[in-house]
Protein backbone atom coordinates (compact mmCIF):
# COMPACT_ATOMS: atom_id res chain seq x y z
CA MET A 1 -12.27 5.79 -12.42
CA ASP A 2 -11.46 2.22 -11.42
CA LEU A 3 -7.93 1.68 -10.13
CA TRP A 4 -8.22 -2.09 -9.88
CA ILE A 5 -9.70 -4.73 -12.17
CA PHE A 6 -11.43 -6.40 -9.22
CA ARG A 7 -13.83 -5.40 -6.47
CA PHE A 8 -13.07 -5.73 -2.77
CA ASP A 9 -15.48 -7.64 -0.59
CA ARG A 10 -13.39 -6.85 2.48
CA LEU A 11 -11.60 -3.58 3.19
CA GLY A 12 -10.08 -2.35 6.41
CA ARG A 13 -7.06 -2.60 8.70
CA TYR A 14 -5.20 -5.69 9.79
CA TRP A 15 -3.23 -6.44 12.89
CA GLY A 16 -2.01 -9.87 13.80
CA PRO A 17 0.92 -12.20 14.25
CA VAL A 18 1.32 -12.83 10.51
CA CYS A 19 2.77 -9.41 9.67
CA GLY A 20 1.97 -6.95 12.44
CA GLU A 21 0.02 -3.84 11.54
CA VAL A 22 -1.32 -3.03 8.08
CA ASP A 23 -3.12 0.30 7.65
CA ILE A 24 -5.12 -0.69 4.55
CA LEU A 25 -5.95 -4.19 3.38
CA GLY A 26 -8.37 -4.79 0.54
CA ILE A 27 -9.43 -8.36 -0.24
CA ASP A 28 -11.18 -9.75 -3.31
CA SER A 29 -12.08 -13.22 -2.01
CA ALA A 30 -13.61 -14.41 -5.29
CA GLY A 31 -10.53 -13.61 -7.35
CA GLY A 32 -7.89 -14.19 -4.67
CA ASN A 33 -6.52 -10.64 -4.95
CA MET A 34 -5.46 -8.14 -2.33
CA ILE A 35 -3.99 -4.66 -2.04
CA ILE A 36 -1.97 -3.46 0.91
CA GLY A 37 -1.39 0.12 1.97
CA GLU A 38 0.40 2.36 4.42
CA CYS A 39 -0.76 5.74 5.74
CA ARG A 40 2.12 7.91 6.90
CA TYR A 41 1.42 11.40 8.15
CA SER A 42 4.81 12.92 8.82
CA ALA A 43 6.75 16.02 7.89
CA ALA A 44 9.34 13.98 5.98
CA GLU A 45 9.21 12.40 2.55
CA LYS A 46 8.85 8.63 2.61
CA GLY A 47 11.20 6.41 0.68
CA LEU A 48 11.79 2.91 -0.52
CA THR A 49 11.99 1.51 3.03
CA VAL A 50 8.23 2.02 3.41
CA LEU A 51 7.59 0.14 0.15
CA HIS A 52 9.97 -2.66 1.10
CA ALA A 53 8.27 -3.05 4.48
CA LEU A 54 4.88 -3.29 2.73
CA GLN A 55 6.23 -5.87 0.30
CA GLU A 56 7.52 -7.95 3.21
CA LYS A 57 4.12 -7.76 4.94
CA ALA A 58 2.42 -8.70 1.66
CA ARG A 59 4.62 -11.80 1.26
CA ALA A 60 3.67 -12.92 4.78
CA LEU A 61 -0.04 -12.36 4.09
CA GLU A 62 0.19 -14.13 0.73
CA ALA A 63 1.76 -17.17 2.38
CA LYS A 64 -0.93 -17.22 5.07
CA THR A 65 -4.01 -16.48 2.92
CA GLY A 66 -3.16 -17.69 -0.57
CA TYR A 67 -4.26 -14.30 -1.99
CA SER A 68 -2.00 -12.49 -4.43
CA CYS A 69 -0.98 -8.90 -3.69
CA SER A 70 -1.34 -6.90 -6.89
CA SER A 71 -0.95 -3.35 -5.60
CA TYR A 72 0.70 -1.24 -2.94
CA VAL A 73 -0.72 2.13 -1.87
CA ILE A 74 1.22 4.66 0.20
CA PHE A 75 -0.28 7.88 1.55
CA ASN A 76 1.91 10.71 2.87
CA PRO A 77 1.23 14.47 2.94
CA SER A 78 4.93 15.30 2.69
CA GLY A 79 5.56 13.44 -0.53
CA PHE A 80 8.01 10.75 -1.51
CA SER A 81 11.71 10.34 -2.20
CA LYS A 82 12.98 10.35 -5.76
CA GLY A 83 13.83 6.67 -5.43
CA LEU A 84 10.27 5.76 -4.46
CA ARG A 85 8.76 8.01 -7.15
CA ASP A 86 11.04 6.38 -9.75
CA GLU A 87 10.05 2.89 -8.55
CA ALA A 88 6.35 3.80 -8.76
CA ALA A 89 6.78 5.33 -12.21
CA GLY A 90 8.03 1.99 -13.50
CA ASN A 91 5.44 -0.16 -11.72
CA PRO A 92 1.68 0.38 -12.18
CA GLY A 93 1.09 -1.70 -9.04
CA ILE A 94 2.49 1.06 -6.82
CA LEU A 95 0.21 4.01 -6.08
CA LEU A 96 1.62 7.03 -4.24
CA VAL A 97 -0.89 9.49 -2.81
CA ASP A 98 0.47 12.86 -1.75
CA VAL A 99 -2.53 13.88 0.32
CA PHE A 100 -3.34 17.53 0.94
CA SER A 101 -1.76 19.00 4.01
CA PRO A 102 -2.97 22.42 5.22
CA GLY A 103 -0.21 25.00 5.03
CA ARG A 104 1.83 23.05 2.50
CA HIS A 105 2.49 24.82 -0.80
């Protein structure tokens, strides 16, 4: 299954003065697209503040690179707040991944 309509030619982490640390950055140089993601491994659900921080980082990267951020991906084994789940339900550009955590039912 393809999640994006483009292919990345660069995929990895980013750290720099433009926006600090980014856990996942996928770039499609030919089409000028990018995705940005956050990996959180905590015992608490993550909420809208994580998404808003990613959006702020994406704006800084867009201004610096000229690429357009089309998707946000957030990984967290403890799930997500209702507010973040509701936001993602209404926006296909937000992907929430509730990764398997041993011992979690």
